[in-house]
Amino acid sequence: MNHDQIVAEIQARATQRRGVLSHYCGSALRCSGDRGAPDLLCAGPNGAAWLEVKTPADRLKPDQTTWMYTLKASGQRHYVIREAQLLDGTVDAILDTLAAGQAELFRTEAG
């Protein structure tokens, strides 16, 4: 799978979980701010996770490493995702964790 196919699959899986949102900027040329921000932001009732998507030969660039350590230092979830993590259940576990607690959240909102 290429980079965009992995991103699309993660977003499709996020959509399958109630209350989980995802955002992908696509082209870094259209985004502003500090370089190296993770590809995907996924958020749900039980927090948020930043996902940097890589193909097998790709490595983190220095700016991406800075983002990774800064996010982790601030208590954020950051993951480097490759096709293998789609196959071994890692991505599903991340998204399930974000969705956890949704029943309680929606029950509270409903009164």
C-alpha atoms as a PDB file:
ATOM      1  CA  MET A   1       0.000   0.000   0.000  1.00  0.00           C
ATOM      2  CA  ASN A   2       1.137   3.530  -0.628  1.00  0.00           C
ATOM      3  CA  HIS A   3       0.922   6.419   1.853  1.00  0.00           C
ATOM      4  CA  ASP A   4      -2.464   7.728   0.719  1.00  0.00           C
ATOM      5  CA  GLN A   5      -3.991   4.239   0.723  1.00  0.00           C
ATOM      6  CA  ILE A   6      -2.891   3.707   4.334  1.00  0.00           C
ATOM      7  CA  VAL A   7      -4.349   7.097   5.318  1.00  0.00           C
ATOM      8  CA  ALA A   8      -7.626   6.306   3.534  1.00  0.00           C
ATOM      9  CA  GLU A   9      -7.892   2.957   5.301  1.00  0.00           C
ATOM     10  CA  ILE A  10      -7.297   4.521   8.722  1.00  0.00           C
ATOM     11  CA  GLN A  11      -9.937   7.176   8.028  1.00  0.00           C
ATOM     12  CA  ALA A  12     -12.413   4.524   6.851  1.00  0.00           C
ATOM     13  CA  ARG A  13     -11.865   2.579  10.061  1.00  0.00           C
ATOM     14  CA  ALA A  14     -12.254   5.744  12.161  1.00  0.00           C
ATOM     15  CA  THR A  15     -15.596   6.428  10.474  1.00  0.00           C
ATOM     16  CA  GLN A  16     -16.799   2.980  11.568  1.00  0.00           C
ATOM     17  CA  ARG A  17     -16.454   3.965  15.229  1.00  0.00           C
ATOM     18  CA  ARG A  18     -19.138   6.156  16.712  1.00  0.00           C
ATOM     19  CA  GLY A  19     -17.757   9.451  17.908  1.00  0.00           C
ATOM     20  CA  VAL A  20     -14.296   9.130  16.345  1.00  0.00           C
ATOM     21  CA  LEU A  21     -13.235  11.924  13.998  1.00  0.00           C
ATOM     22  CA  SER A  22     -10.190  12.124  11.763  1.00  0.00           C
ATOM     23  CA  HIS A  23      -8.409  14.904   9.897  1.00  0.00           C
ATOM     24  CA  TYR A  24      -5.821  14.673   7.131  1.00  0.00           C
ATOM     25  CA  CYS A  25      -4.342  17.777   5.538  1.00  0.00           C
ATOM     26  CA  GLY A  26      -3.126  16.005   2.419  1.00  0.00           C
ATOM     27  CA  SER A  27      -0.601  18.295   0.833  1.00  0.00           C
ATOM     28  CA  ALA A  28       1.875  19.931   3.198  1.00  0.00           C
ATOM     29  CA  LEU A  29       2.095  22.759   0.683  1.00  0.00           C
ATOM     30  CA  ARG A  30      -1.463  23.804   1.583  1.00  0.00           C
ATOM     31  CA  CYS A  31      -0.865  23.680   5.332  1.00  0.00           C
ATOM     32  CA  SER A  32       0.792  26.339   7.447  1.00  0.00           C
ATOM     33  CA  GLY A  33       2.683  26.193  10.717  1.00  0.00           C
ATOM     34  CA  ASP A  34       5.678  24.227  11.877  1.00  0.00           C
ATOM     35  CA  ARG A  35       6.853  21.556   9.456  1.00  0.00           C
ATOM     36  CA  GLY A  36       6.683  17.891  10.356  1.00  0.00           C
ATOM     37  CA  ALA A  37       3.212  17.741  11.923  1.00  0.00           C
ATOM     38  CA  PRO A  38       1.773  14.209  11.924  1.00  0.00           C
ATOM     39  CA  ASP A  39      -0.354  13.186   8.947  1.00  0.00           C
ATOM     40  CA  LEU A  40      -3.527  12.342  10.825  1.00  0.00           C
ATOM     41  CA  LEU A  41      -5.301  13.584  13.895  1.00  0.00           C
ATOM     42  CA  CYS A  42      -7.935  11.217  15.252  1.00  0.00           C
ATOM     43  CA  ALA A  43     -10.104  12.165  18.214  1.00  0.00           C
ATOM     44  CA  GLY A  44     -12.935  10.567  20.119  1.00  0.00           C
ATOM     45  CA  PRO A  45     -14.671  10.616  23.491  1.00  0.00           C
ATOM     46  CA  ASN A  46     -11.582   9.061  25.107  1.00  0.00           C
ATOM     47  CA  GLY A  47      -8.931  11.440  23.803  1.00  0.00           C
ATOM     48  CA  ALA A  48      -6.910  12.078  20.690  1.00  0.00           C
ATOM     49  CA  ALA A  49      -4.066  10.433  18.816  1.00  0.00           C
ATOM     50  CA  TRP A  50      -1.596  11.781  16.293  1.00  0.00           C
ATOM     51  CA  LEU A  51      -0.608   9.332  13.558  1.00  0.00           C
ATOM     52  CA  GLU A  52       2.427   9.686  11.326  1.00  0.00           C
ATOM     53  CA  VAL A  53       1.959   7.393   8.321  1.00  0.00           C
ATOM     54  CA  LYS A  54       5.014   5.829   6.710  1.00  0.00           C
ATOM     55  CA  THR A  55       5.585   3.342   3.922  1.00  0.00           C
ATOM     56  CA  PRO A  56       8.117   0.557   4.608  1.00  0.00           C
ATOM     57  CA  ALA A  57      11.175   2.441   3.323  1.00  0.00           C
ATOM     58  CA  ASP A  58      10.260   5.789   4.927  1.00  0.00           C
ATOM     59  CA  ARG A  59      11.943   7.101   8.070  1.00  0.00           C
ATOM     60  CA  LEU A  60      10.957   9.984  10.328  1.00  0.00           C
ATOM     61  CA  LYS A  61      12.461  13.275   9.259  1.00  0.00           C
ATOM     62  CA  PRO A  62      14.026  15.530  11.928  1.00  0.00           C
ATOM     63  CA  ASP A  63      10.981  17.853  12.027  1.00  0.00           C
ATOM     64  CA  GLN A  64       8.686  14.841  12.434  1.00  0.00           C
ATOM     65  CA  THR A  65      10.834  13.536  15.274  1.00  0.00           C
ATOM     66  CA  THR A  66      10.578  16.920  17.009  1.00  0.00           C
ATOM     67  CA  TRP A  67       6.778  16.777  16.748  1.00  0.00           C
ATOM     68  CA  MET A  68       6.747  13.189  18.055  1.00  0.00           C
ATOM     69  CA  TYR A  69       8.785  14.010  21.169  1.00  0.00           C
ATOM     70  CA  THR A  70       6.943  17.281  21.804  1.00  0.00           C
ATOM     71  CA  LEU A  71       3.535  15.595  21.589  1.00  0.00           C
ATOM     72  CA  LYS A  72       4.608  12.705  23.819  1.00  0.00           C
ATOM     73  CA  ALA A  73       6.163  15.113  26.349  1.00  0.00           C
ATOM     74  CA  SER A  74       2.831  16.938  26.560  1.00  0.00           C
ATOM     75  CA  GLY A  75       0.971  13.701  27.263  1.00  0.00           C
ATOM     76  CA  GLN A  76      -0.423  13.228  23.760  1.00  0.00           C
ATOM     77  CA  ARG A  77      -0.654   9.858  21.993  1.00  0.00           C
ATOM     78  CA  HIS A  78       1.649   9.699  18.952  1.00  0.00           C
ATOM     79  CA  TYR A  79       2.100   6.670  16.715  1.00  0.00           C
ATOM     80  CA  VAL A  80       4.117   5.863  13.622  1.00  0.00           C
ATOM     81  CA  ILE A  81       1.839   3.742  11.443  1.00  0.00           C
ATOM     82  CA  ARG A  82       2.865   1.490   8.582  1.00  0.00           C
ATOM     83  CA  GLU A  83       0.848  -1.058   6.627  1.00  0.00           C
ATOM     84  CA  ALA A  84       1.864  -3.713   9.163  1.00  0.00           C
ATOM     85  CA  GLN A  85      -0.049  -1.856  11.896  1.00  0.00           C
ATOM     86  CA  LEU A  86      -3.204  -2.042   9.755  1.00  0.00           C
ATOM     87  CA  LEU A  87      -2.801  -5.810   9.558  1.00  0.00           C
ATOM     88  CA  ASP A  88      -1.768  -6.627  13.134  1.00  0.00           C
ATOM     89  CA  GLY A  89      -4.638  -4.817  14.880  1.00  0.00           C
ATOM     90  CA  THR A  90      -2.657  -1.843  16.167  1.00  0.00           C
ATOM     91  CA  VAL A  91      -4.708   0.745  14.270  1.00  0.00           C
ATOM     92  CA  ASP A  92      -7.964  -0.860  15.384  1.00  0.00           C
ATOM     93  CA  ALA A  93      -6.773  -0.860  19.012  1.00  0.00           C
ATOM     94  CA  ILE A  94      -5.872   2.839  18.797  1.00  0.00           C
ATOM     95  CA  LEU A  95      -9.248   3.756  17.316  1.00  0.00           C
ATOM     96  CA  ASP A  96     -11.118   1.525  19.793  1.00  0.00           C
ATOM     97  CA  THR A  97      -9.299   3.274  22.643  1.00  0.00           C
ATOM     98  CA  LEU A  98     -10.365   6.672  21.310  1.00  0.00           C
ATOM     99  CA  ALA A  99     -13.951   5.456  21.042  1.00  0.00           C
ATOM    100  CA  ALA A 100     -13.965   3.862  24.531  1.00  0.00           C
ATOM    101  CA  GLY A 101     -16.337   5.473  26.926  1.00  0.00           C
ATOM    102  CA  GLN A 102     -18.617   6.651  24.143  1.00  0.00           C
ATOM    103  CA  ALA A 103     -21.666   4.960  25.652  1.00  0.00           C
ATOM    104  CA  GLU A 104     -21.154   6.861  28.901  1.00  0.00           C
ATOM    105  CA  LEU A 105     -20.557  10.128  27.032  1.00  0.00           C
ATOM    106  CA  PHE A 106     -23.703   9.817  24.939  1.00  0.00           C
ATOM    107  CA  ARG A 107     -25.767   8.687  27.945  1.00  0.00           C
ATOM    108  CA  THR A 108     -24.608  11.769  29.855  1.00  0.00           C
ATOM    109  CA  GLU A 109     -25.483  14.078  26.976  1.00  0.00           C
ATOM    110  CA  ALA A 110     -28.916  12.521  26.660  1.00  0.00           C
ATOM    111  CA  GLY A 111     -29.603  13.127  30.320  1.00  0.00           C
END
